[in-house]
């Protein structure tokens, strides 16, 4: 395969991967999103060696993929917010647990001076 064919194949793979993820954003899990990011990074790394062979049509195809980034970033921010809320809830649970389960000294004395 020559350089142009390799680049076209990588662009096609990147576009298919992106379109698949965008179509499933409403049901995608964090693990699937991480897999997508890893796959996308690998494809982009491979494409960098072909940067001198990029045509105007390739630039249009790349822009089409980049246009989906806003949707993907919104989903990533949603995951981040969910994780932040979970951590906040865990902190609240921990403080409530600590308040109700204080460790008291059991060898202290109470002396009642009233007769």
N, C-alpha and C. Protein backbone atom coordinates (compact mmCIF):
# COMPACT_ATOMS: atom_id res chain seq x y z
N UNK A 1 0.84 -1.18 0.00
CA UNK A 1 0.00 0.00 0.00
C UNK A 1 0.88 1.24 0.00
N UNK A 2 0.49 2.24 -0.77
CA UNK A 2 1.29 3.45 -0.78
C UNK A 2 0.82 4.43 0.30
N UNK A 3 1.51 5.51 0.40
CA UNK A 3 1.26 6.50 1.46
C UNK A 3 -0.16 7.03 1.42
N UNK A 4 -0.63 7.38 0.25
CA UNK A 4 -1.97 7.96 0.12
C UNK A 4 -3.03 6.94 0.51
N UNK A 5 -2.86 5.70 0.09
CA UNK A 5 -3.82 4.65 0.45
C UNK A 5 -3.83 4.40 1.96
N UNK A 6 -2.64 4.41 2.57
CA UNK A 6 -2.55 4.22 4.02
C UNK A 6 -3.27 5.35 4.76
N UNK A 7 -3.04 6.57 4.32
CA UNK A 7 -3.68 7.72 4.95
C UNK A 7 -5.20 7.64 4.79
N UNK A 8 -5.66 7.30 3.60
CA UNK A 8 -7.10 7.19 3.34
C UNK A 8 -7.72 6.11 4.23
N UNK A 9 -7.03 4.99 4.38
CA UNK A 9 -7.53 3.90 5.21
C UNK A 9 -7.59 4.33 6.69
N UNK A 10 -6.58 5.04 7.15
CA UNK A 10 -6.59 5.52 8.54
C UNK A 10 -7.71 6.54 8.76
N UNK A 11 -7.91 7.43 7.79
CA UNK A 11 -9.00 8.40 7.89
C UNK A 11 -10.36 7.72 7.92
N UNK A 12 -10.51 6.71 7.10
CA UNK A 12 -11.76 5.95 7.06
C UNK A 12 -11.99 5.26 8.40
N UNK A 13 -10.95 4.65 8.95
CA UNK A 13 -11.06 3.96 10.24
C UNK A 13 -11.41 4.95 11.35
N UNK A 14 -10.76 6.10 11.34
CA UNK A 14 -11.03 7.13 12.34
C UNK A 14 -12.46 7.64 12.24
N UNK A 15 -12.93 7.86 11.03
CA UNK A 15 -14.30 8.33 10.82
C UNK A 15 -15.31 7.29 11.30
N UNK A 16 -15.10 6.03 10.95
CA UNK A 16 -16.03 4.97 11.37
C UNK A 16 -16.06 4.85 12.89
N UNK A 17 -14.90 4.87 13.51
CA UNK A 17 -14.80 4.78 14.96
C UNK A 17 -15.53 5.94 15.63
N UNK A 18 -15.32 7.14 15.12
CA UNK A 18 -15.95 8.33 15.68
C UNK A 18 -17.46 8.29 15.50
N UNK A 19 -17.91 7.94 14.32
CA UNK A 19 -19.36 7.89 14.06
C UNK A 19 -20.05 6.83 14.94
N UNK A 20 -19.38 5.71 15.15
CA UNK A 20 -19.94 4.66 16.00
C UNK A 20 -20.10 5.16 17.44
N UNK A 21 -19.08 5.83 17.94
CA UNK A 21 -19.13 6.34 19.32
C UNK A 21 -20.19 7.43 19.44
N UNK A 22 -20.25 8.33 18.49
CA UNK A 22 -21.24 9.41 18.55
C UNK A 22 -22.66 8.85 18.52
N UNK A 23 -22.87 7.81 17.75
CA UNK A 23 -24.21 7.23 17.68
C UNK A 23 -24.61 6.52 18.97
N UNK A 24 -23.63 6.18 19.81
CA UNK A 24 -23.89 5.46 21.05
C UNK A 24 -23.61 6.28 22.30
N UNK A 25 -23.43 7.57 22.16
CA UNK A 25 -23.05 8.41 23.31
C UNK A 25 -24.04 8.33 24.47
N UNK A 26 -25.30 8.13 24.18
CA UNK A 26 -26.31 8.10 25.23
C UNK A 26 -26.25 6.83 26.08
N UNK A 27 -25.55 5.79 25.61
CA UNK A 27 -25.49 4.53 26.35
C UNK A 27 -24.06 4.07 26.63
N UNK A 28 -23.08 4.84 26.24
CA UNK A 28 -21.69 4.40 26.34
C UNK A 28 -21.22 4.43 27.80
N UNK A 29 -20.38 3.48 28.15
CA UNK A 29 -19.82 3.44 29.51
C UNK A 29 -18.47 4.15 29.52
N UNK A 30 -17.97 4.39 30.73
CA UNK A 30 -16.68 5.04 30.87
C UNK A 30 -15.57 4.19 30.25
N UNK A 31 -15.66 2.88 30.43
CA UNK A 31 -14.64 1.98 29.89
C UNK A 31 -14.62 2.02 28.36
N UNK A 32 -15.81 2.04 27.76
CA UNK A 32 -15.89 2.12 26.30
C UNK A 32 -15.32 3.44 25.81
N UNK A 33 -15.58 4.51 26.54
CA UNK A 33 -15.04 5.81 26.15
C UNK A 33 -13.51 5.81 26.24
N UNK A 34 -12.98 5.19 27.28
CA UNK A 34 -11.52 5.10 27.40
C UNK A 34 -10.92 4.27 26.26
N UNK A 35 -11.59 3.18 25.89
CA UNK A 35 -11.13 2.37 24.76
C UNK A 35 -11.14 3.19 23.47
N UNK A 36 -12.20 3.96 23.27
CA UNK A 36 -12.30 4.82 22.09
C UNK A 36 -11.14 5.82 22.06
N UNK A 37 -10.87 6.44 23.19
CA UNK A 37 -9.79 7.44 23.25
C UNK A 37 -8.45 6.79 22.92
N UNK A 38 -8.22 5.59 23.45
CA UNK A 38 -6.96 4.89 23.17
C UNK A 38 -6.85 4.53 21.69
N UNK A 39 -7.94 4.03 21.10
CA UNK A 39 -7.93 3.68 19.68
C UNK A 39 -7.72 4.90 18.81
N UNK A 40 -8.40 5.97 19.17
CA UNK A 40 -8.28 7.21 18.39
C UNK A 40 -6.85 7.74 18.46
N UNK A 41 -6.26 7.70 19.64
CA UNK A 41 -4.88 8.16 19.80
C UNK A 41 -3.93 7.33 18.94
N UNK A 42 -4.13 6.02 18.89
CA UNK A 42 -3.26 5.17 18.08
C UNK A 42 -3.38 5.52 16.60
N UNK A 43 -4.61 5.76 16.14
CA UNK A 43 -4.81 6.11 14.74
C UNK A 43 -4.16 7.45 14.42
N UNK A 44 -4.35 8.42 15.29
CA UNK A 44 -3.77 9.75 15.07
C UNK A 44 -2.25 9.67 15.06
N UNK A 45 -1.67 8.86 15.94
CA UNK A 45 -0.21 8.68 15.94
C UNK A 45 0.27 8.12 14.60
N UNK A 46 -0.46 7.15 14.06
CA UNK A 46 -0.09 6.58 12.77
C UNK A 46 -0.24 7.61 11.65
N UNK A 47 -1.26 8.45 11.74
CA UNK A 47 -1.51 9.45 10.70
C UNK A 47 -0.44 10.53 10.67
N UNK A 48 0.21 10.78 11.78
CA UNK A 48 1.20 11.86 11.83
C UNK A 48 2.36 11.63 10.86
N UNK A 49 2.68 10.39 10.60
CA UNK A 49 3.78 10.12 9.68
C UNK A 49 3.40 10.44 8.22
N UNK A 50 2.11 10.63 7.97
CA UNK A 50 1.64 10.95 6.62
C UNK A 50 1.24 12.42 6.47
N UNK A 51 1.66 13.25 7.38
CA UNK A 51 1.21 14.66 7.38
C UNK A 51 1.57 15.39 6.10
N UNK A 52 2.66 15.01 5.45
CA UNK A 52 3.05 15.69 4.21
C UNK A 52 2.20 15.26 3.01
N UNK A 53 1.43 14.19 3.15
CA UNK A 53 0.62 13.69 2.04
C UNK A 53 -0.85 14.07 2.15
N UNK A 54 -1.20 14.92 3.12
CA UNK A 54 -2.60 15.29 3.35
C UNK A 54 -3.08 16.23 2.24
N UNK A 55 -4.22 15.87 1.65
CA UNK A 55 -4.81 16.68 0.59
C UNK A 55 -5.92 17.56 1.18
N UNK A 56 -6.48 18.42 0.33
CA UNK A 56 -7.58 19.27 0.78
C UNK A 56 -8.80 18.43 1.17
N UNK A 57 -9.06 17.37 0.42
CA UNK A 57 -10.18 16.49 0.76
C UNK A 57 -9.93 15.80 2.10
N UNK A 58 -8.69 15.42 2.35
CA UNK A 58 -8.35 14.82 3.65
C UNK A 58 -8.61 15.80 4.79
N UNK A 59 -8.27 17.06 4.54
CA UNK A 59 -8.52 18.09 5.57
C UNK A 59 -10.01 18.22 5.86
N UNK A 60 -10.82 18.13 4.83
CA UNK A 60 -12.28 18.19 5.00
C UNK A 60 -12.75 16.99 5.81
N UNK A 61 -12.21 15.81 5.49
CA UNK A 61 -12.58 14.60 6.23
C UNK A 61 -12.15 14.69 7.70
N UNK A 62 -10.98 15.23 7.93
CA UNK A 62 -10.49 15.39 9.30
C UNK A 62 -11.36 16.38 10.05
N UNK A 63 -11.76 17.46 9.41
CA UNK A 63 -12.63 18.45 10.04
C UNK A 63 -13.98 17.84 10.40
N UNK A 64 -14.47 16.96 9.54
CA UNK A 64 -15.73 16.26 9.81
C UNK A 64 -15.63 15.45 11.11
N UNK A 65 -14.51 14.80 11.30
CA UNK A 65 -14.27 14.03 12.53
C UNK A 65 -14.15 14.98 13.72
N UNK A 66 -13.43 16.07 13.53
CA UNK A 66 -13.23 17.03 14.62
C UNK A 66 -14.54 17.72 15.03
N UNK A 67 -15.48 17.83 14.10
CA UNK A 67 -16.76 18.44 14.43
C UNK A 67 -17.54 17.63 15.48
N UNK A 68 -17.22 16.37 15.59
CA UNK A 68 -17.87 15.50 16.59
C UNK A 68 -17.26 15.67 17.98
N UNK A 69 -16.13 16.35 18.06
CA UNK A 69 -15.43 16.48 19.35
C UNK A 69 -16.26 17.17 20.41
N UNK A 70 -17.10 18.13 20.04
CA UNK A 70 -17.91 18.83 21.02
C UNK A 70 -18.86 17.85 21.72
N UNK A 71 -19.49 16.98 20.95
CA UNK A 71 -20.38 15.98 21.54
C UNK A 71 -19.62 15.03 22.46
N UNK A 72 -18.45 14.61 22.01
CA UNK A 72 -17.63 13.68 22.80
C UNK A 72 -17.16 14.37 24.08
N UNK A 73 -16.75 15.62 23.97
CA UNK A 73 -16.30 16.37 25.16
C UNK A 73 -17.44 16.57 26.15
N UNK A 74 -18.64 16.81 25.65
CA UNK A 74 -19.80 16.94 26.54
C UNK A 74 -20.02 15.66 27.32
N UNK A 75 -19.87 14.51 26.67
CA UNK A 75 -20.04 13.23 27.36
C UNK A 75 -18.92 13.02 28.38
N UNK A 76 -17.71 13.39 28.02
CA UNK A 76 -16.60 13.28 28.97
C UNK A 76 -16.83 14.17 30.19
N UNK A 77 -17.34 15.37 29.96
CA UNK A 77 -17.65 16.27 31.07
C UNK A 77 -18.77 15.71 31.94
N UNK A 78 -19.71 15.03 31.31
CA UNK A 78 -20.78 14.37 32.06
C UNK A 78 -20.20 13.30 32.99
N UNK A 79 -19.28 12.50 32.46
CA UNK A 79 -18.61 11.49 33.29
C UNK A 79 -17.84 12.14 34.43
N UNK A 80 -17.19 13.26 34.13
CA UNK A 80 -16.42 13.97 35.16
C UNK A 80 -17.35 14.49 36.26
N UNK A 81 -18.48 15.04 35.86
CA UNK A 81 -19.45 15.54 36.85
C UNK A 81 -20.01 14.41 37.70
N UNK A 82 -20.29 13.28 37.07
CA UNK A 82 -20.79 12.13 37.83
C UNK A 82 -19.76 11.66 38.85
N UNK A 83 -18.51 11.62 38.43
CA UNK A 83 -17.44 11.20 39.34
C UNK A 83 -17.29 12.20 40.49
N UNK A 84 -17.38 13.48 40.18
CA UNK A 84 -17.29 14.51 41.22
C UNK A 84 -18.43 14.40 42.21
N UNK A 85 -19.63 14.17 41.70
CA UNK A 85 -20.78 14.00 42.59
C UNK A 85 -20.62 12.77 43.46
N UNK A 86 -20.11 11.69 42.89
CA UNK A 86 -19.90 10.47 43.66
C UNK A 86 -18.88 10.71 44.77
N UNK A 87 -17.79 11.39 44.44
CA UNK A 87 -16.77 11.68 45.46
C UNK A 87 -17.32 12.58 46.55
N UNK A 88 -18.10 13.55 46.15
CA UNK A 88 -18.72 14.45 47.13
C UNK A 88 -19.66 13.68 48.05
N UNK A 89 -20.44 12.78 47.48
CA UNK A 89 -21.35 11.96 48.27
C UNK A 89 -20.58 11.06 49.24
N UNK A 90 -19.48 10.49 48.77
CA UNK A 90 -18.67 9.63 49.62
C UNK A 90 -18.08 10.42 50.79
N UNK A 91 -17.67 11.65 50.54
CA UNK A 91 -17.16 12.50 51.61
C UNK A 91 -18.22 12.81 52.64
N UNK A 92 -19.45 13.06 52.16
CA UNK A 92 -20.56 13.33 53.06
C UNK A 92 -20.89 12.10 53.90
N UNK A 93 -20.89 10.94 53.27
CA UNK A 93 -21.16 9.69 54.00
C UNK A 93 -20.09 9.46 55.05
N UNK A 94 -18.85 9.71 54.69
CA UNK A 94 -17.74 9.51 55.62
C UNK A 94 -17.86 10.43 56.83
N UNK A 95 -18.21 11.71 56.59
CA UNK A 95 -18.33 12.64 57.72
C UNK A 95 -19.51 12.29 58.61
N UNK A 96 -20.62 11.83 58.02
CA UNK A 96 -21.76 11.40 58.82
C UNK A 96 -21.41 10.16 59.62
N UNK A 97 -20.71 9.25 59.02
CA UNK A 97 -20.30 8.02 59.71
C UNK A 97 -19.39 8.36 60.89
N UNK A 98 -18.47 9.27 60.68
CA UNK A 98 -17.55 9.67 61.74
C UNK A 98 -18.30 10.36 62.88
N UNK A 99 -19.28 11.18 62.56
CA UNK A 99 -20.04 11.89 63.58
C UNK A 99 -20.83 10.94 64.47
N UNK A 100 -21.36 9.88 63.90
CA UNK A 100 -22.18 8.95 64.66
C UNK A 100 -21.39 7.81 65.30
N UNK A 101 -20.17 7.67 64.91
CA UNK A 101 -19.36 6.58 65.45
C UNK A 101 -18.07 7.13 66.06
N UNK A 102 -18.23 8.07 66.95
CA UNK A 102 -17.07 8.64 67.62
C UNK A 102 -16.43 7.59 68.53
N UNK A 103 -15.15 7.64 68.62
CA UNK A 103 -14.44 6.77 69.54
C UNK A 103 -14.31 7.49 70.87
N UNK A 104 -15.01 7.01 71.86
CA UNK A 104 -14.97 7.62 73.16
C UNK A 104 -14.03 6.84 74.06
N UNK A 105 -13.46 7.55 75.02
CA UNK A 105 -12.58 6.91 75.98
C UNK A 105 -13.46 6.14 76.96
N UNK A 106 -13.22 4.86 77.09
CA UNK A 106 -14.09 4.03 77.95
C UNK A 106 -13.60 3.94 79.38
N UNK A 107 -12.42 4.41 79.68
CA UNK A 107 -11.94 4.31 81.05
C UNK A 107 -12.05 5.63 81.82
N UNK A 108 -12.94 6.51 81.39
CA UNK A 108 -13.16 7.76 82.11
C UNK A 108 -14.24 7.57 83.17
N UNK A 109 -14.28 8.50 84.11
CA UNK A 109 -15.24 8.42 85.21
C UNK A 109 -16.14 9.64 85.21
N UNK A 110 -17.35 9.44 85.68
CA UNK A 110 -18.28 10.54 85.88
C UNK A 110 -18.64 10.55 87.37
N UNK A 111 -18.37 11.64 88.01
CA UNK A 111 -18.63 11.73 89.44
C UNK A 111 -19.77 12.70 89.65
N UNK A 112 -20.81 12.24 90.31
CA UNK A 112 -21.98 13.06 90.61
C UNK A 112 -21.83 13.58 92.04
N UNK A 113 -21.67 14.87 92.22
CA UNK A 113 -21.48 15.49 93.53
C UNK A 113 -22.79 15.84 94.23
N UNK A 114 -23.88 15.69 93.56
CA UNK A 114 -25.16 16.03 94.19
C UNK A 114 -25.58 14.91 95.15
N UNK A 115 -26.17 15.30 96.29
CA UNK A 115 -26.61 14.31 97.26
C UNK A 115 -28.06 14.44 97.54
